[in-house]
Amino acid sequence: MKNIMVKNKTDPAAPRIERIPLTDKKAIKRFVRLEDQFIGSRPFFVPETTREMTKRLAGLTPFYQEMDHALFVASDGSSEKARCAAFINRKYQKAKDEAIGFIGYFAAMPDAELEVKALLDAAEEWLQKENVTRVIAPYNGTLFHGTGFLTAEFDKNPVFPFPWHPPYYQQYLRNAGYNPTYPFWFYTIDLLSEQYRAVEKRVLENTSVKVRPIDKKNWDIDIEKYREVLNETFKAEWEYCPHTREEFASYFGALKPILDSRLMLLAEIDGELAGVCQGFPDWGPMLRSFRGKFGLVEFVRMIFEKGRYDRGGLTWIGVLPKFRGRGVAQSLAVTLYRRFQEKGLKEVSYMCVNESNRASRSFAEAMGGTGRALYHCYDKRL
């Protein structure tokens, strides 16, 4: 049954808020497709994959075992204008020892200030009833499902897996009292620069670090090693909380058939695991052409075209504390970037870095990276 709320019942033009039942897959599918309806004509927008998103928002993945959520759609009474989801990730709250909630999967039409205000009010009200005292937005319940709004370079195509958003999204949050608390920096690295070549030379001379691709024949073993390193090395980052074996299997298992194993690396010193890193090709143009579909035809096309790209980047890198200062991060990054060089790339990305993570930013700059804050997350006290 639909739950329709009208903020001002005496005003027929007042925004209407619909809470989508989590058991209604048809309604969830409509929720998923709304952003494509709102901004699908924009040239850099990549629609969400409807089937996967519908399953996810119905709570049918391991990521939702310790997560509660609610879906809201705002309309003016005749047409839908905005949508969002509210999340309570119990695992995240426990890890950070704070009653934090999230608002994610936000999408809206331009000039929908009244509807967006009513939408965010409804989401915040739901979170407050669950004893949330601070909200972070946009954050899709877990880091693996996406976080942050694009806040600069709207006339450029973002590098996959990061999405494009219209500039008015951030303004809606600001108008609702949210502060741009968490900037994410993105760096561009010229692989032909003298500074990068110097780092590459040092890596080739460092024979103590052995870097290898993930082994798809021993996938479960290597994924578990990968999980342990990420959980240890990212636990201090505000956006990360430890992930379970089931969550990793769900997320990375979907990538396994299309993953270039040379873009998912493990580093060892004296036979002991020291660090990991992950990179992605820019699959954005291909996914954009799918228009939210991902069936057999799209899967086969992905298999055959996964190696055709002209941009790419390193998305995360982690080195265990006992091995820091021994060139592990440099060896991982250079090995990954050499794979991109084989594909003809002369410029790559290093993304995305918390502004407060001075060590990671210095690492990018030491390779000749030039960067700026391109995405932000916002927060608000309730």
Protein backbone atom coordinates (compact mmCIF):
# COMPACT_ATOMS: atom_id res chain seq x y z
CA MET A 1 0.00 0.00 0.00
CA LYS A 2 1.30 3.44 -0.86
CA ASN A 3 1.91 5.87 1.95
CA ILE A 4 1.08 9.39 0.70
CA MET A 5 1.81 12.38 2.90
CA VAL A 6 0.73 15.96 2.17
CA LYS A 7 2.57 18.60 4.19
CA ASN A 8 -0.16 21.23 3.85
CA LYS A 9 -3.56 19.64 3.34
CA THR A 10 -5.27 23.01 2.81
CA ASP A 11 -3.07 23.83 -0.19
CA PRO A 12 -3.77 21.68 -3.28
CA ALA A 13 -0.37 22.71 -4.70
CA ALA A 14 1.54 21.52 -1.63
CA PRO A 15 4.19 18.85 -2.29
CA ARG A 16 3.11 15.26 -1.87
CA ILE A 17 5.49 12.68 -0.41
CA GLU A 18 5.10 9.02 -1.25
CA ARG A 19 6.92 6.38 0.75
CA ILE A 20 7.66 3.41 -1.49
CA PRO A 21 6.94 -0.02 0.06
CA LEU A 22 10.09 -2.13 0.04
CA THR A 23 8.05 -5.16 -1.02
CA ASP A 24 6.72 -3.45 -4.17
CA LYS A 25 9.32 -4.19 -6.84
CA LYS A 26 7.32 -2.38 -9.49
CA ALA A 27 7.31 0.81 -7.41
CA ILE A 28 11.02 0.42 -6.60
CA LYS A 29 11.77 0.04 -10.31
CA ARG A 30 9.89 3.30 -10.91
CA PHE A 31 11.96 4.92 -8.15
CA VAL A 32 15.18 3.73 -9.82
CA ARG A 33 14.22 5.13 -13.21
CA LEU A 34 13.30 8.57 -11.94
CA GLU A 35 16.77 10.12 -12.22
CA ASP A 36 16.94 9.12 -15.87
CA GLN A 37 13.59 10.86 -16.35
CA PHE A 38 14.86 13.95 -14.54
CA ILE A 39 18.29 14.39 -16.16
CA GLY A 40 18.65 11.63 -18.75
CA SER A 41 19.10 14.14 -21.56
CA ARG A 42 22.35 15.47 -20.07
CA PRO A 43 25.34 14.25 -22.14
CA PHE A 44 27.51 12.95 -19.27
CA PHE A 45 24.81 11.24 -17.24
CA VAL A 46 24.98 7.44 -16.89
CA PRO A 47 21.64 5.83 -15.91
CA GLU A 48 21.56 3.36 -13.07
CA THR A 49 21.27 -0.34 -13.87
CA THR A 50 17.59 -0.94 -13.21
CA ARG A 51 17.67 -4.66 -12.40
CA GLU A 52 20.59 -4.47 -9.97
CA MET A 53 19.32 -1.30 -8.31
CA THR A 54 15.82 -2.72 -7.84
CA LYS A 55 17.25 -5.81 -6.15
CA ARG A 56 19.49 -3.66 -3.99
CA LEU A 57 16.79 -1.24 -2.84
CA ALA A 58 14.47 -4.12 -2.05
CA GLY A 59 17.14 -5.07 0.49
CA LEU A 60 18.03 -8.33 -1.25
CA THR A 61 21.84 -8.12 -1.01
CA PRO A 62 24.23 -8.85 1.90
CA PHE A 63 24.85 -5.11 2.35
CA TYR A 64 21.35 -4.78 3.84
CA GLN A 65 21.74 -7.38 6.59
CA GLU A 66 22.47 -4.65 9.14
CA MET A 67 20.82 -1.75 7.34
CA ASP A 68 17.37 -0.22 7.50
CA HIS A 69 16.17 2.11 4.77
CA ALA A 70 13.15 3.97 3.44
CA LEU A 71 12.43 5.29 -0.06
CA PHE A 72 10.66 8.61 -0.68
CA VAL A 73 9.33 10.31 -3.81
CA ALA A 74 8.11 13.92 -3.93
CA SER A 75 5.57 15.22 -6.44
CA ASP A 76 3.58 18.36 -7.03
CA GLY A 77 0.42 16.30 -7.20
CA SER A 78 0.60 15.74 -10.95
CA SER A 79 4.19 14.65 -11.64
CA GLU A 80 7.20 13.38 -9.70
CA LYS A 81 9.89 15.94 -8.97
CA ALA A 82 12.43 14.33 -6.64
CA ARG A 83 13.42 11.13 -4.87
CA CYS A 84 15.77 9.97 -2.12
CA ALA A 85 16.49 7.09 0.23
CA ALA A 86 17.19 7.30 3.95
CA PHE A 87 19.59 4.77 5.47
CA ILE A 88 20.63 3.55 8.88
CA ASN A 89 23.71 1.33 8.63
CA ARG A 90 24.04 -0.28 12.06
CA LYS A 91 27.50 -1.59 11.24
CA TYR A 92 28.66 1.91 10.32
CA GLN A 93 27.16 3.41 13.48
CA LYS A 94 28.94 0.80 15.58
CA ALA A 95 32.29 1.37 13.85
CA LYS A 96 32.11 5.17 14.23
CA ASP A 97 30.36 5.13 17.62
CA GLU A 98 27.88 7.78 16.51
CA ALA A 99 24.16 7.83 15.68
CA ILE A 100 24.75 8.75 12.03
CA GLY A 101 22.22 8.29 9.25
CA PHE A 102 22.47 8.79 5.52
CA ILE A 103 20.42 10.23 2.70
CA GLY A 104 21.30 8.83 -0.70
CA TYR A 105 20.06 8.05 -4.19
CA PHE A 106 19.00 11.66 -4.40
CA ALA A 107 17.70 12.90 -7.73
CA ALA A 108 15.54 15.86 -8.67
CA MET A 109 14.23 18.07 -11.40
CA PRO A 110 15.48 21.65 -11.62
CA ASP A 111 13.26 24.30 -10.01
CA ALA A 112 11.77 21.83 -7.53
CA GLU A 113 12.74 23.61 -4.33
CA LEU A 114 9.42 23.03 -2.54
CA GLU A 115 9.30 19.35 -3.41
CA VAL A 116 12.95 18.77 -2.45
CA LYS A 117 12.47 20.54 0.87
CA ALA A 118 9.45 18.36 1.67
CA LEU A 119 11.36 15.26 0.51
CA LEU A 120 14.36 15.93 2.75
CA ASP A 121 12.08 16.81 5.66
CA ALA A 122 10.38 13.42 5.32
CA ALA A 123 13.68 11.55 5.15
CA GLU A 124 15.07 13.44 8.16
CA GLU A 125 11.88 12.81 10.13
CA TRP A 126 12.21 9.07 9.48
CA LEU A 127 15.85 9.13 10.56
CA GLN A 128 15.07 11.11 13.72
CA LYS A 129 12.50 8.51 14.74
CA GLU A 130 15.36 6.01 14.53
CA ASN A 131 17.41 8.16 16.95
CA VAL A 132 19.76 9.55 14.31
CA THR A 133 21.45 12.79 15.41
CA ARG A 134 23.52 13.62 12.32
CA VAL A 135 22.90 13.01 8.61
CA ILE A 136 25.51 12.62 5.87
CA ALA A 137 24.39 13.09 2.27
CA PRO A 138 24.61 11.93 -0.40
CA TYR A 139 25.69 8.49 0.78
CA ASN A 140 24.00 5.37 -0.58
CA GLY A 141 24.07 3.31 2.61
CA THR A 142 27.55 1.91 2.00
CA LEU A 143 30.69 3.26 0.37
CA PHE A 144 30.58 0.50 -2.24
CA HIS A 145 27.30 1.86 -3.61
CA GLY A 146 28.45 5.44 -4.00
CA THR A 147 28.88 8.69 -2.16
CA GLY A 148 29.24 12.39 -2.93
CA PHE A 149 27.92 14.96 -5.40
CA LEU A 150 29.95 16.35 -8.25
CA THR A 151 30.64 19.98 -7.31
CA ALA A 152 32.96 21.18 -10.10
CA GLU A 153 33.83 20.57 -13.77
CA PHE A 154 30.21 19.98 -14.79
CA ASP A 155 31.21 20.44 -18.43
CA LYS A 156 33.51 17.40 -18.32
CA ASN A 157 32.89 13.67 -18.41
CA PRO A 158 33.74 12.09 -15.03
CA VAL A 159 35.96 9.01 -15.01
CA PHE A 160 34.10 5.79 -14.17
CA PRO A 161 33.00 4.72 -11.58
CA PHE A 162 32.19 8.28 -10.49
CA PRO A 163 28.90 9.77 -11.69
CA TRP A 164 27.89 13.10 -13.18
CA HIS A 165 25.37 15.29 -11.34
CA PRO A 166 23.84 18.63 -12.29
CA PRO A 167 25.09 21.64 -10.30
CA TYR A 168 21.73 22.31 -8.70
CA TYR A 169 21.87 19.06 -6.67
CA GLN A 170 24.45 20.52 -4.30
CA GLN A 171 22.45 23.74 -3.99
CA TYR A 172 19.37 21.82 -2.87
CA LEU A 173 21.36 20.37 0.03
CA ARG A 174 22.83 23.74 0.96
CA ASN A 175 19.35 25.28 0.95
CA ALA A 176 18.21 22.54 3.35
CA GLY A 177 20.96 23.39 5.85
CA TYR A 178 23.62 20.87 4.84
CA ASN A 179 27.30 21.84 5.01
CA PRO A 180 29.99 20.66 2.51
CA THR A 181 31.98 18.87 5.20
CA TYR A 182 33.76 16.14 3.27
CA PRO A 183 35.62 17.12 0.06
CA PHE A 184 37.05 14.40 -2.21
CA TRP A 185 40.13 15.20 -4.28
CA PHE A 186 40.85 13.79 -7.75
CA TYR A 187 44.32 13.85 -9.28
CA THR A 188 45.55 13.63 -12.86
CA ILE A 189 48.96 12.05 -13.41
CA ASP A 190 51.01 12.50 -16.56
CA LEU A 191 52.74 9.16 -17.15
CA LEU A 192 55.33 10.85 -19.39
CA SER A 193 56.38 13.50 -16.86
CA GLU A 194 59.87 13.46 -15.37
CA GLN A 195 58.42 13.32 -11.86
CA TYR A 196 56.40 10.19 -12.58
CA ARG A 197 59.26 8.56 -14.50
CA ALA A 198 61.50 9.06 -11.44
CA VAL A 199 58.97 7.20 -9.26
CA GLU A 200 58.71 4.45 -11.87
CA LYS A 201 62.51 4.07 -11.89
CA ARG A 202 62.61 3.68 -8.10
CA VAL A 203 59.91 1.03 -8.26
CA LEU A 204 61.81 -1.00 -10.84
CA GLU A 205 64.89 -0.86 -8.59
CA ASN A 206 62.96 -2.00 -5.51
CA THR A 207 63.13 -5.79 -5.75
CA SER A 208 61.84 -6.39 -2.21
CA VAL A 209 58.21 -5.72 -3.17
CA LYS A 210 56.48 -8.33 -5.30
CA VAL A 211 53.24 -7.25 -6.97
CA ARG A 212 50.87 -9.72 -8.58
CA PRO A 213 47.37 -9.64 -10.06
CA ILE A 214 44.48 -11.20 -8.22
CA ASP A 215 44.29 -14.89 -9.05
CA LYS A 216 40.87 -15.73 -10.48
CA LYS A 217 41.58 -19.45 -10.01
CA ASN A 218 41.97 -18.80 -6.28
CA TRP A 219 39.41 -16.02 -6.23
CA ASP A 220 37.85 -16.68 -2.82
CA ILE A 221 41.24 -16.83 -1.10
CA ASP A 222 42.55 -13.64 -2.71
CA ILE A 223 39.31 -11.72 -2.19
CA GLU A 224 39.44 -12.57 1.50
CA LYS A 225 43.04 -11.29 1.69
CA TYR A 226 41.93 -8.16 -0.13
CA ARG A 227 39.05 -7.63 2.30
CA GLU A 228 41.29 -7.97 5.35
CA VAL A 229 43.72 -5.35 4.04
CA LEU A 230 41.00 -2.84 3.10
CA ASN A 231 39.21 -3.30 6.42
CA GLU A 232 42.47 -2.62 8.27
CA THR A 233 43.87 0.22 6.18
CA PHE A 234 40.66 2.19 5.56
CA LYS A 235 39.06 1.91 9.01
CA ALA A 236 40.10 5.45 9.97
CA GLU A 237 38.52 7.00 6.85
CA TRP A 238 35.18 8.61 7.71
CA GLU A 239 33.34 6.97 4.81
CA TYR A 240 34.49 3.40 5.46
CA CYS A 241 33.40 0.75 7.89
CA PRO A 242 34.55 -2.89 7.94
CA HIS A 243 32.83 -5.08 5.38
CA THR A 244 31.88 -8.72 5.73
CA ARG A 245 32.98 -11.64 3.61
CA GLU A 246 29.47 -11.85 2.16
CA GLU A 247 29.46 -8.18 1.15
CA PHE A 248 32.79 -8.52 -0.65
CA ALA A 249 31.61 -11.67 -2.40
CA SER A 250 28.47 -9.88 -3.55
CA TYR A 251 30.24 -6.76 -4.83
CA PHE A 252 33.36 -8.24 -6.39
CA GLY A 253 31.66 -11.43 -7.56
CA ALA A 254 29.60 -9.36 -9.98
CA LEU A 255 32.81 -7.81 -11.33
CA LYS A 256 34.78 -11.03 -11.69
CA PRO A 257 33.75 -11.93 -15.29
CA ILE A 258 34.64 -8.48 -16.64
CA LEU A 259 37.53 -7.61 -14.35
CA ASP A 260 41.02 -7.19 -15.76
CA SER A 261 42.98 -9.00 -13.04
CA ARG A 262 45.96 -6.73 -13.71
CA LEU A 263 43.90 -3.83 -12.36
CA MET A 264 43.33 -5.57 -9.00
CA LEU A 265 46.69 -6.11 -7.36
CA LEU A 266 48.23 -7.58 -4.24
CA ALA A 267 51.73 -6.72 -2.98
CA GLU A 268 53.91 -9.00 -0.89
CA ILE A 269 57.18 -8.63 1.01
CA ASP A 270 59.02 -11.83 1.94
CA GLY A 271 55.90 -13.80 1.07
CA GLU A 272 53.68 -11.77 3.44
CA LEU A 273 50.77 -9.70 2.17
CA ALA A 274 51.65 -6.01 2.46
CA GLY A 275 49.05 -4.06 0.46
CA VAL A 276 46.40 -4.00 -2.26
CA CYS A 277 45.08 -1.64 -4.90
CA GLN A 278 42.25 -1.41 -7.41
CA GLY A 279 41.83 0.41 -10.69
CA PHE A 280 39.05 0.71 -13.26
CA PRO A 281 38.88 1.52 -16.95
CA ASP A 282 36.49 4.30 -17.89
CA TRP A 283 33.48 2.18 -18.83
CA GLY A 284 31.20 5.22 -18.54
CA PRO A 285 30.58 5.71 -22.30
CA MET A 286 29.66 2.05 -22.77
CA LEU A 287 27.38 1.95 -19.73
CA ARG A 288 25.74 5.19 -20.87
CA SER A 289 24.78 3.48 -24.11
CA PHE A 290 23.04 0.68 -22.14
CA ARG A 291 20.47 3.22 -20.83
CA GLY A 292 20.03 1.35 -17.55
CA LYS A 293 19.67 -2.11 -19.10
CA PHE A 294 22.04 -4.93 -18.24
CA GLY A 295 20.79 -8.21 -19.65
CA LEU A 296 22.48 -10.90 -21.70
CA VAL A 297 23.14 -8.60 -24.67
CA GLU A 298 24.78 -5.95 -22.50
CA PHE A 299 26.78 -8.55 -20.59
CA VAL A 300 28.18 -10.10 -23.79
CA ARG A 301 29.03 -6.65 -25.11
CA MET A 302 30.80 -5.86 -21.84
CA ILE A 303 32.87 -9.05 -22.13
CA PHE A 304 34.01 -8.21 -25.64
CA GLU A 305 34.48 -4.45 -25.16
CA LYS A 306 35.82 -4.30 -21.59
CA GLY A 307 39.34 -3.64 -22.87
CA ARG A 308 38.35 -0.74 -25.13
CA TYR A 309 38.82 2.50 -23.25
CA ASP A 310 40.92 5.64 -23.39
CA ARG A 311 40.83 6.69 -19.72
CA GLY A 312 41.26 4.97 -16.40
CA GLY A 313 42.33 5.44 -12.83
CA LEU A 314 43.34 4.02 -9.47
CA THR A 315 40.36 4.05 -7.12
CA TRP A 316 41.82 2.82 -3.84
CA ILE A 317 45.10 1.65 -2.40
CA GLY A 318 45.95 0.32 1.06
CA VAL A 319 49.22 -0.66 2.72
CA LEU A 320 49.35 -2.44 6.09
CA PRO A 321 51.02 -0.30 8.80
CA LYS A 322 54.04 -2.57 9.36
CA PHE A 323 55.02 -2.27 5.68
CA ARG A 324 54.64 1.47 5.21
CA GLY A 325 57.70 3.40 4.11
CA ARG A 326 59.05 0.48 2.09
CA GLY A 327 57.78 1.49 -1.34
CA VAL A 328 54.71 -0.76 -1.37
CA ALA A 329 52.23 1.93 -2.45
CA GLN A 330 54.53 3.14 -5.23
CA SER A 331 55.03 -0.43 -6.49
CA LEU A 332 51.28 -1.06 -6.55
CA ALA A 333 50.43 2.22 -8.28
CA VAL A 334 53.16 1.99 -10.91
CA THR A 335 52.29 -1.65 -11.69
CA LEU A 336 48.66 -0.71 -12.17
CA TYR A 337 49.50 2.35 -14.26
CA ARG A 338 51.82 0.29 -16.48
CA ARG A 339 48.78 -1.77 -17.44
CA PHE A 340 47.08 1.43 -18.56
CA GLN A 341 50.23 2.40 -20.46
CA GLU A 342 50.02 -0.88 -22.36
CA LYS A 343 46.55 0.22 -23.43
CA GLY A 344 48.02 3.45 -24.82
CA LEU A 345 47.06 5.81 -21.98
CA LYS A 346 49.46 8.66 -21.33
CA GLU A 347 47.43 10.23 -18.53
CA VAL A 348 45.63 8.53 -15.63
CA SER A 349 43.58 9.40 -12.56
CA TYR A 350 44.23 8.89 -8.86
CA MET A 351 40.86 9.04 -7.10
CA CYS A 352 39.21 9.79 -4.78
CA VAL A 353 41.06 11.15 -1.74
CA ASN A 354 39.69 12.67 1.43
CA GLU A 355 40.91 16.22 1.75
CA SER A 356 42.00 15.39 5.31
CA ASN A 357 44.12 12.44 4.11
CA ARG A 358 47.35 14.37 3.72
CA ALA A 359 49.43 11.21 3.25
CA SER A 360 47.43 10.05 0.24
CA ARG A 361 47.37 13.52 -1.28
CA SER A 362 51.15 13.83 -0.85
CA PHE A 363 51.56 10.42 -2.48
CA ALA A 364 49.62 11.57 -5.55
CA GLU A 365 51.57 14.82 -5.71
CA ALA A 366 54.89 12.94 -5.42
CA MET A 367 53.97 11.14 -8.65
CA GLY A 368 53.39 14.50 -10.33
CA GLY A 369 49.65 14.50 -9.79
CA THR A 370 47.69 17.74 -10.01
CA GLY A 371 44.34 17.74 -8.30
CA ARG A 372 41.31 19.51 -6.95
CA ALA A 373 38.19 18.74 -4.94
CA LEU A 374 35.57 17.54 -7.43
CA TYR A 375 33.03 15.82 -5.16
CA HIS A 376 31.64 16.60 -1.72
CA CYS A 377 29.56 14.96 0.95
CA TYR A 378 27.47 17.17 3.21
CA ASP A 379 26.25 16.81 6.76
CA LYS A 380 23.60 18.26 9.03
CA ARG A 381 22.77 18.00 12.72
CA LEU A 382 19.20 17.03 13.47
